[in-house]
Amino acid sequence: MPCHNLPTIALAAAVTALSTDAAAQSATISPHPASAGSPISFSYKFNFFGCYPRHPRLEVHDGSPTGPLVTVLPDPIASATFMCFGPGDTLDVVWDQTDRRGRPVAEGDYWLRVPLRGAIPPGSASEHWTCITIDNGGRPALTTAAPPRVGQANPIDLTATPSAFYLIAASLDSNQPVAFAGVQLCLSLDPLLLATVPPRGAIQNASGLVPPSGEVAAGLALPLDPFLVGRSLVLQSIVHDGDRITPSNGLPLLIGA
């Protein structure tokens, strides 16, 4: 079903304008959220020309990008100098959920840092952060059965405590994450976040009370705009059950045709 209302147009403008400056986009995390002990696979899709530095520090941090260093992942490329990339190229990384001493990490939120060196301007340095949740079922879970596609109201599923209040929003990435009521989120404060926070309507059924089934069926409406294809965004929900506010996993999504 085509989507051409004002909220979805605003969402499209925010994604297109902001993502032209991003060096890489988190395409997929699998599985996510991850159960304890399961290797986690990351795939990054680049959207302009640049280079991946020799022997980069692929750092995993605990709790936030400024949290304690958990481990440094092996170089997935083992390049002698640099690997240069172009639009559409991908970088794949796997973390086995262990720390620097090989010990399994606890459940919680972790952040993976990927350093990049872009071509525009020449030699410009940047970094891409990905928010990871390890959970055995005690936290709200935000999932989707398939990557979102343009021109559709793409289903998004939230599993949470019945009768709790929930809210779902999105941002372009997790590079400048914000905190809400003392809780670290995976979302950056950017125009996309402002375009999706209720009652703007770019995400259908984005807030309310979790039904007795504990399952919320939401939707991400994307207009039929070819410039959105290959862009990415991150979704997350916060859930208030009367005693505390609990965030879901951050859900990075790559938009398809």
C-alpha atoms as a PDB file:
ATOM      1  CA  MET A   1       0.000   0.000   0.000  1.00  0.00           C
ATOM      2  CA  PRO A   2       1.579   3.333  -1.035  1.00  0.00           C
ATOM      3  CA  CYS A   3       2.550   5.738   1.738  1.00  0.00           C
ATOM      4  CA  HIS A   4       2.373   9.430   0.843  1.00  0.00           C
ATOM      5  CA  ASN A   5       1.246  11.266   3.991  1.00  0.00           C
ATOM      6  CA  LEU A   6       3.125  14.141   5.607  1.00  0.00           C
ATOM      7  CA  PRO A   7       4.747  12.114   8.438  1.00  0.00           C
ATOM      8  CA  THR A   8       6.258   9.613   5.999  1.00  0.00           C
ATOM      9  CA  ILE A   9       7.464  12.407   3.706  1.00  0.00           C
ATOM     10  CA  ALA A  10       9.156  14.062   6.689  1.00  0.00           C
ATOM     11  CA  LEU A  11      10.743  10.737   7.622  1.00  0.00           C
ATOM     12  CA  ALA A  12      12.027  10.283   4.060  1.00  0.00           C
ATOM     13  CA  ALA A  13      13.538  13.766   4.004  1.00  0.00           C
ATOM     14  CA  ALA A  14      15.293  13.209   7.328  1.00  0.00           C
ATOM     15  CA  VAL A  15      16.773   9.848   6.291  1.00  0.00           C
ATOM     16  CA  THR A  16      17.920  11.067   2.868  1.00  0.00           C
ATOM     17  CA  ALA A  17      19.448  14.348   4.040  1.00  0.00           C
ATOM     18  CA  LEU A  18      21.311  12.929   7.014  1.00  0.00           C
ATOM     19  CA  SER A  19      22.554   9.656   5.588  1.00  0.00           C
ATOM     20  CA  THR A  20      24.469  11.303   2.743  1.00  0.00           C
ATOM     21  CA  ASP A  21      27.128  12.207   5.313  1.00  0.00           C
ATOM     22  CA  ALA A  22      27.432   8.781   6.928  1.00  0.00           C
ATOM     23  CA  ALA A  23      30.537   6.740   6.110  1.00  0.00           C
ATOM     24  CA  ALA A  24      28.922   3.403   6.870  1.00  0.00           C
ATOM     25  CA  GLN A  25      25.586   2.067   7.905  1.00  0.00           C
ATOM     26  CA  SER A  26      24.833  -0.862  10.145  1.00  0.00           C
ATOM     27  CA  ALA A  27      22.954  -3.218   7.871  1.00  0.00           C
ATOM     28  CA  THR A  28      22.252  -6.230  10.066  1.00  0.00           C
ATOM     29  CA  ILE A  29      22.894  -7.766  13.472  1.00  0.00           C
ATOM     30  CA  SER A  30      22.139 -11.455  13.797  1.00  0.00           C
ATOM     31  CA  PRO A  31      20.749 -12.702  16.089  1.00  0.00           C
ATOM     32  CA  HIS A  32      19.351  -9.597  17.754  1.00  0.00           C
ATOM     33  CA  PRO A  33      18.575  -9.431  20.549  1.00  0.00           C
ATOM     34  CA  ALA A  34      21.062 -12.236  21.141  1.00  0.00           C
ATOM     35  CA  SER A  35      20.812 -14.892  23.810  1.00  0.00           C
ATOM     36  CA  ALA A  36      23.848 -15.377  26.045  1.00  0.00           C
ATOM     37  CA  GLY A  37      26.627 -17.381  24.418  1.00  0.00           C
ATOM     38  CA  SER A  38      25.461 -16.997  20.802  1.00  0.00           C
ATOM     39  CA  PRO A  39      28.038 -15.564  18.372  1.00  0.00           C
ATOM     40  CA  ILE A  40      26.827 -12.222  17.041  1.00  0.00           C
ATOM     41  CA  SER A  41      27.342 -11.304  13.379  1.00  0.00           C
ATOM     42  CA  PHE A  42      27.510  -7.690  12.183  1.00  0.00           C
ATOM     43  CA  SER A  43      27.389  -6.494   8.593  1.00  0.00           C
ATOM     44  CA  TYR A  44      28.177  -2.898   7.640  1.00  0.00           C
ATOM     45  CA  LYS A  45      27.280  -1.375   4.296  1.00  0.00           C
ATOM     46  CA  PHE A  46      29.295   1.577   3.034  1.00  0.00           C
ATOM     47  CA  ASN A  47      27.651   4.385   1.073  1.00  0.00           C
ATOM     48  CA  PHE A  48      30.605   6.304  -0.349  1.00  0.00           C
ATOM     49  CA  PHE A  49      34.277   5.845  -1.173  1.00  0.00           C
ATOM     50  CA  GLY A  50      36.851   5.612   1.578  1.00  0.00           C
ATOM     51  CA  CYS A  51      39.362   3.304   3.249  1.00  0.00           C
ATOM     52  CA  TYR A  52      39.398   0.984   6.222  1.00  0.00           C
ATOM     53  CA  PRO A  53      42.614   1.548   8.230  1.00  0.00           C
ATOM     54  CA  ARG A  54      45.285  -1.086   8.743  1.00  0.00           C
ATOM     55  CA  HIS A  55      44.862  -3.132  11.929  1.00  0.00           C
ATOM     56  CA  PRO A  56      41.861  -1.151  13.215  1.00  0.00           C
ATOM     57  CA  ARG A  57      40.674  -1.330  16.807  1.00  0.00           C
ATOM     58  CA  LEU A  58      37.240  -2.914  16.595  1.00  0.00           C
ATOM     59  CA  GLU A  59      36.351  -2.172  20.198  1.00  0.00           C
ATOM     60  CA  VAL A  60      33.450  -3.556  22.246  1.00  0.00           C
ATOM     61  CA  HIS A  61      32.419  -1.353  25.194  1.00  0.00           C
ATOM     62  CA  ASP A  62      30.110  -2.118  28.104  1.00  0.00           C
ATOM     63  CA  GLY A  63      26.934  -0.059  28.634  1.00  0.00           C
ATOM     64  CA  SER A  64      27.688   2.909  26.348  1.00  0.00           C
ATOM     65  CA  PRO A  65      30.312   4.156  23.870  1.00  0.00           C
ATOM     66  CA  THR A  66      32.207   5.664  26.815  1.00  0.00           C
ATOM     67  CA  GLY A  67      31.843   2.568  28.989  1.00  0.00           C
ATOM     68  CA  PRO A  68      34.639   0.162  29.964  1.00  0.00           C
ATOM     69  CA  LEU A  69      36.478  -1.604  27.144  1.00  0.00           C
ATOM     70  CA  VAL A  70      35.394  -5.265  27.025  1.00  0.00           C
ATOM     71  CA  THR A  71      37.499  -6.580  24.157  1.00  0.00           C
ATOM     72  CA  VAL A  72      39.108  -5.757  20.817  1.00  0.00           C
ATOM     73  CA  LEU A  73      37.933  -7.979  17.971  1.00  0.00           C
ATOM     74  CA  PRO A  74      40.338  -9.519  15.442  1.00  0.00           C
ATOM     75  CA  ASP A  75      40.821  -7.609  12.201  1.00  0.00           C
ATOM     76  CA  PRO A  76      38.274  -9.208   9.811  1.00  0.00           C
ATOM     77  CA  ILE A  77      40.323  -8.163   6.777  1.00  0.00           C
ATOM     78  CA  ALA A  78      43.928  -8.669   7.955  1.00  0.00           C
ATOM     79  CA  SER A  79      44.959  -6.132   5.326  1.00  0.00           C
ATOM     80  CA  ALA A  80      48.614  -5.320   4.764  1.00  0.00           C
ATOM     81  CA  THR A  81      47.859  -1.605   4.405  1.00  0.00           C
ATOM     82  CA  PHE A  82      44.298  -0.425   3.719  1.00  0.00           C
ATOM     83  CA  MET A  83      41.152  -1.847   2.257  1.00  0.00           C
ATOM     84  CA  CYS A  84      39.339   0.758   0.180  1.00  0.00           C
ATOM     85  CA  PHE A  85      35.612   0.482  -0.304  1.00  0.00           C
ATOM     86  CA  GLY A  86      32.868   1.975  -2.412  1.00  0.00           C
ATOM     87  CA  PRO A  87      29.088   2.306  -2.302  1.00  0.00           C
ATOM     88  CA  GLY A  88      27.456  -1.057  -1.705  1.00  0.00           C
ATOM     89  CA  ASP A  89      30.547  -2.798  -0.281  1.00  0.00           C
ATOM     90  CA  THR A  90      30.172  -4.536   3.087  1.00  0.00           C
ATOM     91  CA  LEU A  91      32.322  -5.352   6.099  1.00  0.00           C
ATOM     92  CA  ASP A  92      31.439  -8.429   8.173  1.00  0.00           C
ATOM     93  CA  VAL A  93      32.439  -8.876  11.834  1.00  0.00           C
ATOM     94  CA  VAL A  94      31.699 -11.636  14.394  1.00  0.00           C
ATOM     95  CA  TRP A  95      31.865 -11.394  18.196  1.00  0.00           C
ATOM     96  CA  ASP A  96      31.736 -14.585  20.296  1.00  0.00           C
ATOM     97  CA  GLN A  97      30.495 -12.738  23.428  1.00  0.00           C
ATOM     98  CA  THR A  98      33.764 -13.085  25.318  1.00  0.00           C
ATOM     99  CA  ASP A  99      35.987 -10.453  26.912  1.00  0.00           C
ATOM    100  CA  ARG A 100      39.740  -9.892  26.436  1.00  0.00           C
ATOM    101  CA  ARG A 101      40.497 -12.908  28.654  1.00  0.00           C
ATOM    102  CA  GLY A 102      38.123 -15.213  26.812  1.00  0.00           C
ATOM    103  CA  ARG A 103      35.478 -15.168  29.557  1.00  0.00           C
ATOM    104  CA  PRO A 104      31.774 -15.042  28.613  1.00  0.00           C
ATOM    105  CA  VAL A 105      30.238 -11.599  29.146  1.00  0.00           C
ATOM    106  CA  ALA A 106      27.084 -10.990  31.171  1.00  0.00           C
ATOM    107  CA  GLU A 107      23.696 -10.044  29.764  1.00  0.00           C
ATOM    108  CA  GLY A 108      23.303  -6.347  29.005  1.00  0.00           C
ATOM    109  CA  ASP A 109      24.008  -3.709  26.368  1.00  0.00           C
ATOM    110  CA  TYR A 110      27.309  -3.502  24.519  1.00  0.00           C
ATOM    111  CA  TRP A 111      28.646  -1.144  21.868  1.00  0.00           C
ATOM    112  CA  LEU A 112      30.834  -2.048  18.893  1.00  0.00           C
ATOM    113  CA  ARG A 113      33.105   0.671  17.448  1.00  0.00           C
ATOM    114  CA  VAL A 114      34.227   0.487  13.805  1.00  0.00           C
ATOM    115  CA  PRO A 115      36.797   3.168  12.806  1.00  0.00           C
ATOM    116  CA  LEU A 116      36.684   4.516   9.253  1.00  0.00           C
ATOM    117  CA  ARG A 117      38.720   6.862   7.083  1.00  0.00           C
ATOM    118  CA  GLY A 118      36.697   8.536   4.374  1.00  0.00           C
ATOM    119  CA  ALA A 119      37.579   9.939   0.979  1.00  0.00           C
ATOM    120  CA  ILE A 120      35.456  13.097   1.300  1.00  0.00           C
ATOM    121  CA  PRO A 121      37.171  15.138   2.585  1.00  0.00           C
ATOM    122  CA  PRO A 122      40.400  13.171   1.967  1.00  0.00           C
ATOM    123  CA  GLY A 123      41.571  11.361   5.084  1.00  0.00           C
ATOM    124  CA  SER A 124      38.575  12.362   7.174  1.00  0.00           C
ATOM    125  CA  ALA A 125      38.255  10.099  10.211  1.00  0.00           C
ATOM    126  CA  SER A 126      34.994   8.867  11.643  1.00  0.00           C
ATOM    127  CA  GLU A 127      33.632   5.983  13.639  1.00  0.00           C
ATOM    128  CA  HIS A 128      30.458   3.961  13.554  1.00  0.00           C
ATOM    129  CA  TRP A 129      28.843   2.628  16.746  1.00  0.00           C
ATOM    130  CA  THR A 130      26.448  -0.296  16.931  1.00  0.00           C
ATOM    131  CA  CYS A 131      24.315  -0.981  19.999  1.00  0.00           C
ATOM    132  CA  ILE A 132      24.085  -4.685  20.927  1.00  0.00           C
ATOM    133  CA  THR A 133      21.718  -6.335  23.413  1.00  0.00           C
ATOM    134  CA  ILE A 134      22.425  -9.710  25.036  1.00  0.00           C
ATOM    135  CA  ASP A 135      19.304 -10.941  26.789  1.00  0.00           C
ATOM    136  CA  ASN A 136      17.780 -14.312  27.672  1.00  0.00           C
ATOM    137  CA  GLY A 137      14.208 -13.044  27.627  1.00  0.00           C
ATOM    138  CA  GLY A 138      13.859 -10.636  30.540  1.00  0.00           C
ATOM    139  CA  ARG A 139      13.694  -7.390  28.537  1.00  0.00           C
ATOM    140  CA  PRO A 140      11.376  -5.936  25.889  1.00  0.00           C
ATOM    141  CA  ALA A 141      12.310  -7.216  22.429  1.00  0.00           C
ATOM    142  CA  LEU A 142      11.846  -5.267  19.188  1.00  0.00           C
ATOM    143  CA  THR A 143      11.986  -7.426  16.054  1.00  0.00           C
ATOM    144  CA  THR A 144      10.961  -7.556  12.419  1.00  0.00           C
ATOM    145  CA  ALA A 145      10.456 -10.573  10.189  1.00  0.00           C
ATOM    146  CA  ALA A 146      12.023  -8.923   7.139  1.00  0.00           C
ATOM    147  CA  PRO A 147      13.977  -5.778   6.190  1.00  0.00           C
ATOM    148  CA  PRO A 148      11.732  -2.735   5.563  1.00  0.00           C
ATOM    149  CA  ARG A 149      10.856  -1.828   1.985  1.00  0.00           C
ATOM    150  CA  VAL A 150       9.857   1.449   0.387  1.00  0.00           C
ATOM    151  CA  GLY A 151       6.190   2.018  -0.393  1.00  0.00           C
ATOM    152  CA  GLN A 152       5.001  -0.204   2.449  1.00  0.00           C
ATOM    153  CA  ALA A 153       3.842  -0.053   6.056  1.00  0.00           C
ATOM    154  CA  ASN A 154       6.461  -2.523   7.277  1.00  0.00           C
ATOM    155  CA  PRO A 155       5.498  -4.651  10.326  1.00  0.00           C
ATOM    156  CA  ILE A 156       7.479  -4.132  13.548  1.00  0.00           C
ATOM    157  CA  ASP A 157       6.866  -6.398  16.551  1.00  0.00           C
ATOM    158  CA  LEU A 158       7.395  -5.557  20.220  1.00  0.00           C
ATOM    159  CA  THR A 159       7.244  -8.140  23.007  1.00  0.00           C
ATOM    160  CA  ALA A 160       6.853  -6.585  26.465  1.00  0.00           C
ATOM    161  CA  THR A 161       5.021  -6.783  29.805  1.00  0.00           C
ATOM    162  CA  PRO A 162       1.214  -6.671  29.402  1.00  0.00           C
ATOM    163  CA  SER A 163      -0.438  -3.367  30.434  1.00  0.00           C
ATOM    164  CA  ALA A 164       2.904  -1.490  30.439  1.00  0.00           C
ATOM    165  CA  PHE A 165       3.150   1.784  28.525  1.00  0.00           C
ATOM    166  CA  TYR A 166       5.425   1.637  25.476  1.00  0.00           C
ATOM    167  CA  LEU A 167       6.831   4.072  22.927  1.00  0.00           C
ATOM    168  CA  ILE A 168       8.720   3.279  19.695  1.00  0.00           C
ATOM    169  CA  ALA A 169      10.956   5.786  17.878  1.00  0.00           C
ATOM    170  CA  ALA A 170      13.802   5.782  15.341  1.00  0.00           C
ATOM    171  CA  SER A 171      17.030   7.612  14.518  1.00  0.00           C
ATOM    172  CA  LEU A 172      19.512   7.485  11.675  1.00  0.00           C
ATOM    173  CA  ASP A 173      22.226   5.744  13.701  1.00  0.00           C
ATOM    174  CA  SER A 174      23.616   5.145  17.209  1.00  0.00           C
ATOM    175  CA  ASN A 175      26.683   7.370  16.873  1.00  0.00           C
ATOM    176  CA  GLN A 176      25.522  10.055  19.327  1.00  0.00           C
ATOM    177  CA  PRO A 177      23.186   8.167  21.658  1.00  0.00           C
ATOM    178  CA  VAL A 178      21.004   9.971  24.164  1.00  0.00           C
ATOM    179  CA  ALA A 179      19.760   9.009  27.615  1.00  0.00           C
ATOM    180  CA  PHE A 180      16.135   9.213  28.751  1.00  0.00           C
ATOM    181  CA  ALA A 181      15.225   9.319  32.446  1.00  0.00           C
ATOM    182  CA  GLY A 182      18.697   8.045  33.249  1.00  0.00           C
ATOM    183  CA  VAL A 183      18.434   5.135  30.804  1.00  0.00           C
ATOM    184  CA  GLN A 184      20.997   4.871  27.991  1.00  0.00           C
ATOM    185  CA  LEU A 185      19.312   4.530  24.583  1.00  0.00           C
ATOM    186  CA  CYS A 186      20.617   3.358  21.220  1.00  0.00           C
ATOM    187  CA  LEU A 187      19.039   6.356  19.449  1.00  0.00           C
ATOM    188  CA  SER A 188      20.756   9.573  18.393  1.00  0.00           C
ATOM    189  CA  LEU A 189      19.052  12.945  18.773  1.00  0.00           C
ATOM    190  CA  ASP A 190      18.549  13.831  15.106  1.00  0.00           C
ATOM    191  CA  PRO A 191      15.697  14.982  12.803  1.00  0.00           C
ATOM    192  CA  LEU A 192      14.658  11.385  12.188  1.00  0.00           C
ATOM    193  CA  LEU A 193      14.073  10.875  15.909  1.00  0.00           C
ATOM    194  CA  LEU A 194      11.986  14.056  15.997  1.00  0.00           C
ATOM    195  CA  ALA A 195      10.033  12.863  12.934  1.00  0.00           C
ATOM    196  CA  THR A 196       9.115   9.534  14.525  1.00  0.00           C
ATOM    197  CA  VAL A 197       8.335  10.411  18.151  1.00  0.00           C
ATOM    198  CA  PRO A 198       4.516  10.260  18.644  1.00  0.00           C
ATOM    199  CA  PRO A 199       2.198  11.858  17.758  1.00  0.00           C
ATOM    200  CA  ARG A 200       3.951  12.604  14.445  1.00  0.00           C
ATOM    201  CA  GLY A 201       2.796   9.271  13.063  1.00  0.00           C
ATOM    202  CA  ALA A 202       5.684   8.022  10.913  1.00  0.00           C
ATOM    203  CA  ILE A 203       5.565   4.803  12.990  1.00  0.00           C
ATOM    204  CA  GLN A 204       2.070   3.332  13.234  1.00  0.00           C
ATOM    205  CA  ASN A 205       0.886   2.223  16.672  1.00  0.00           C
ATOM    206  CA  ALA A 206       4.056   3.750  18.107  1.00  0.00           C
ATOM    207  CA  SER A 207       2.762   4.236  21.647  1.00  0.00           C
ATOM    208  CA  GLY A 208       0.102   2.931  23.987  1.00  0.00           C
ATOM    209  CA  LEU A 209      -0.458   0.099  26.432  1.00  0.00           C
ATOM    210  CA  VAL A 210       0.885  -3.378  25.742  1.00  0.00           C
ATOM    211  CA  PRO A 211      -2.126  -5.710  25.213  1.00  0.00           C
ATOM    212  CA  PRO A 212      -2.723  -8.786  27.424  1.00  0.00           C
ATOM    213  CA  SER A 213      -0.924 -10.979  24.863  1.00  0.00           C
ATOM    214  CA  GLY A 214       2.310  -9.079  25.509  1.00  0.00           C
ATOM    215  CA  GLU A 215       2.665  -8.535  21.746  1.00  0.00           C
ATOM    216  CA  VAL A 216       2.461  -5.140  20.014  1.00  0.00           C
ATOM    217  CA  ALA A 217       2.034  -4.945  16.233  1.00  0.00           C
ATOM    218  CA  ALA A 218       3.471  -1.665  14.946  1.00  0.00           C
ATOM    219  CA  GLY A 219       4.452  -0.513  11.474  1.00  0.00           C
ATOM    220  CA  LEU A 220       7.074   1.670   9.811  1.00  0.00           C
ATOM    221  CA  ALA A 221       5.538   3.564   6.883  1.00  0.00           C
ATOM    222  CA  LEU A 222       8.017   4.320   4.094  1.00  0.00           C
ATOM    223  CA  PRO A 223       7.086   6.271   0.948  1.00  0.00           C
ATOM    224  CA  LEU A 224       7.847   4.878  -2.509  1.00  0.00           C
ATOM    225  CA  ASP A 225      11.068   6.869  -2.814  1.00  0.00           C
ATOM    226  CA  PRO A 226      14.103   5.292  -4.568  1.00  0.00           C
ATOM    227  CA  PHE A 227      16.494   7.563  -2.642  1.00  0.00           C
ATOM    228  CA  LEU A 228      15.614   5.680   0.545  1.00  0.00           C
ATOM    229  CA  VAL A 229      16.838   2.337  -0.819  1.00  0.00           C
ATOM    230  CA  GLY A 230      20.140   1.372   0.818  1.00  0.00           C
ATOM    231  CA  ARG A 231      19.711   3.857   3.684  1.00  0.00           C
ATOM    232  CA  SER A 232      19.560   2.686   7.262  1.00  0.00           C
ATOM    233  CA  LEU A 233      17.918   3.586  10.538  1.00  0.00           C
ATOM    234  CA  VAL A 234      17.714   2.311  14.106  1.00  0.00           C
ATOM    235  CA  LEU A 235      14.474   1.632  15.978  1.00  0.00           C
ATOM    236  CA  GLN A 236      14.068   1.252  19.725  1.00  0.00           C
ATOM    237  CA  SER A 237      11.268   1.096  22.258  1.00  0.00           C
ATOM    238  CA  ILE A 238      11.093   2.208  25.864  1.00  0.00           C
ATOM    239  CA  VAL A 239       8.646   0.455  28.191  1.00  0.00           C
ATOM    240  CA  HIS A 240       7.327   1.804  31.515  1.00  0.00           C
ATOM    241  CA  ASP A 241       5.661  -0.818  33.695  1.00  0.00           C
ATOM    242  CA  GLY A 242       4.940   1.497  36.639  1.00  0.00           C
ATOM    243  CA  ASP A 243       8.123   0.659  38.534  1.00  0.00           C
ATOM    244  CA  ARG A 244      10.864   1.374  36.029  1.00  0.00           C
ATOM    245  CA  ILE A 245      11.674   2.341  32.462  1.00  0.00           C
ATOM    246  CA  THR A 246      13.282  -0.431  30.414  1.00  0.00           C
ATOM    247  CA  PRO A 247      14.613  -0.033  26.868  1.00  0.00           C
ATOM    248  CA  SER A 248      14.269  -2.697  24.230  1.00  0.00           C
ATOM    249  CA  ASN A 249      17.150  -3.691  22.030  1.00  0.00           C
ATOM    250  CA  GLY A 250      18.140  -1.207  19.366  1.00  0.00           C
ATOM    251  CA  LEU A 251      17.031  -2.562  15.986  1.00  0.00           C
ATOM    252  CA  PRO A 252      19.188  -1.440  13.017  1.00  0.00           C
ATOM    253  CA  LEU A 253      17.432  -1.815   9.670  1.00  0.00           C
ATOM    254  CA  LEU A 254      18.582  -1.457   6.072  1.00  0.00           C
ATOM    255  CA  ILE A 255      15.860  -0.166   3.721  1.00  0.00           C
ATOM    256  CA  GLY A 256      15.275  -2.225   0.591  1.00  0.00           C
ATOM    257  CA  ALA A 257      13.393  -1.753  -2.672  1.00  0.00           C
END
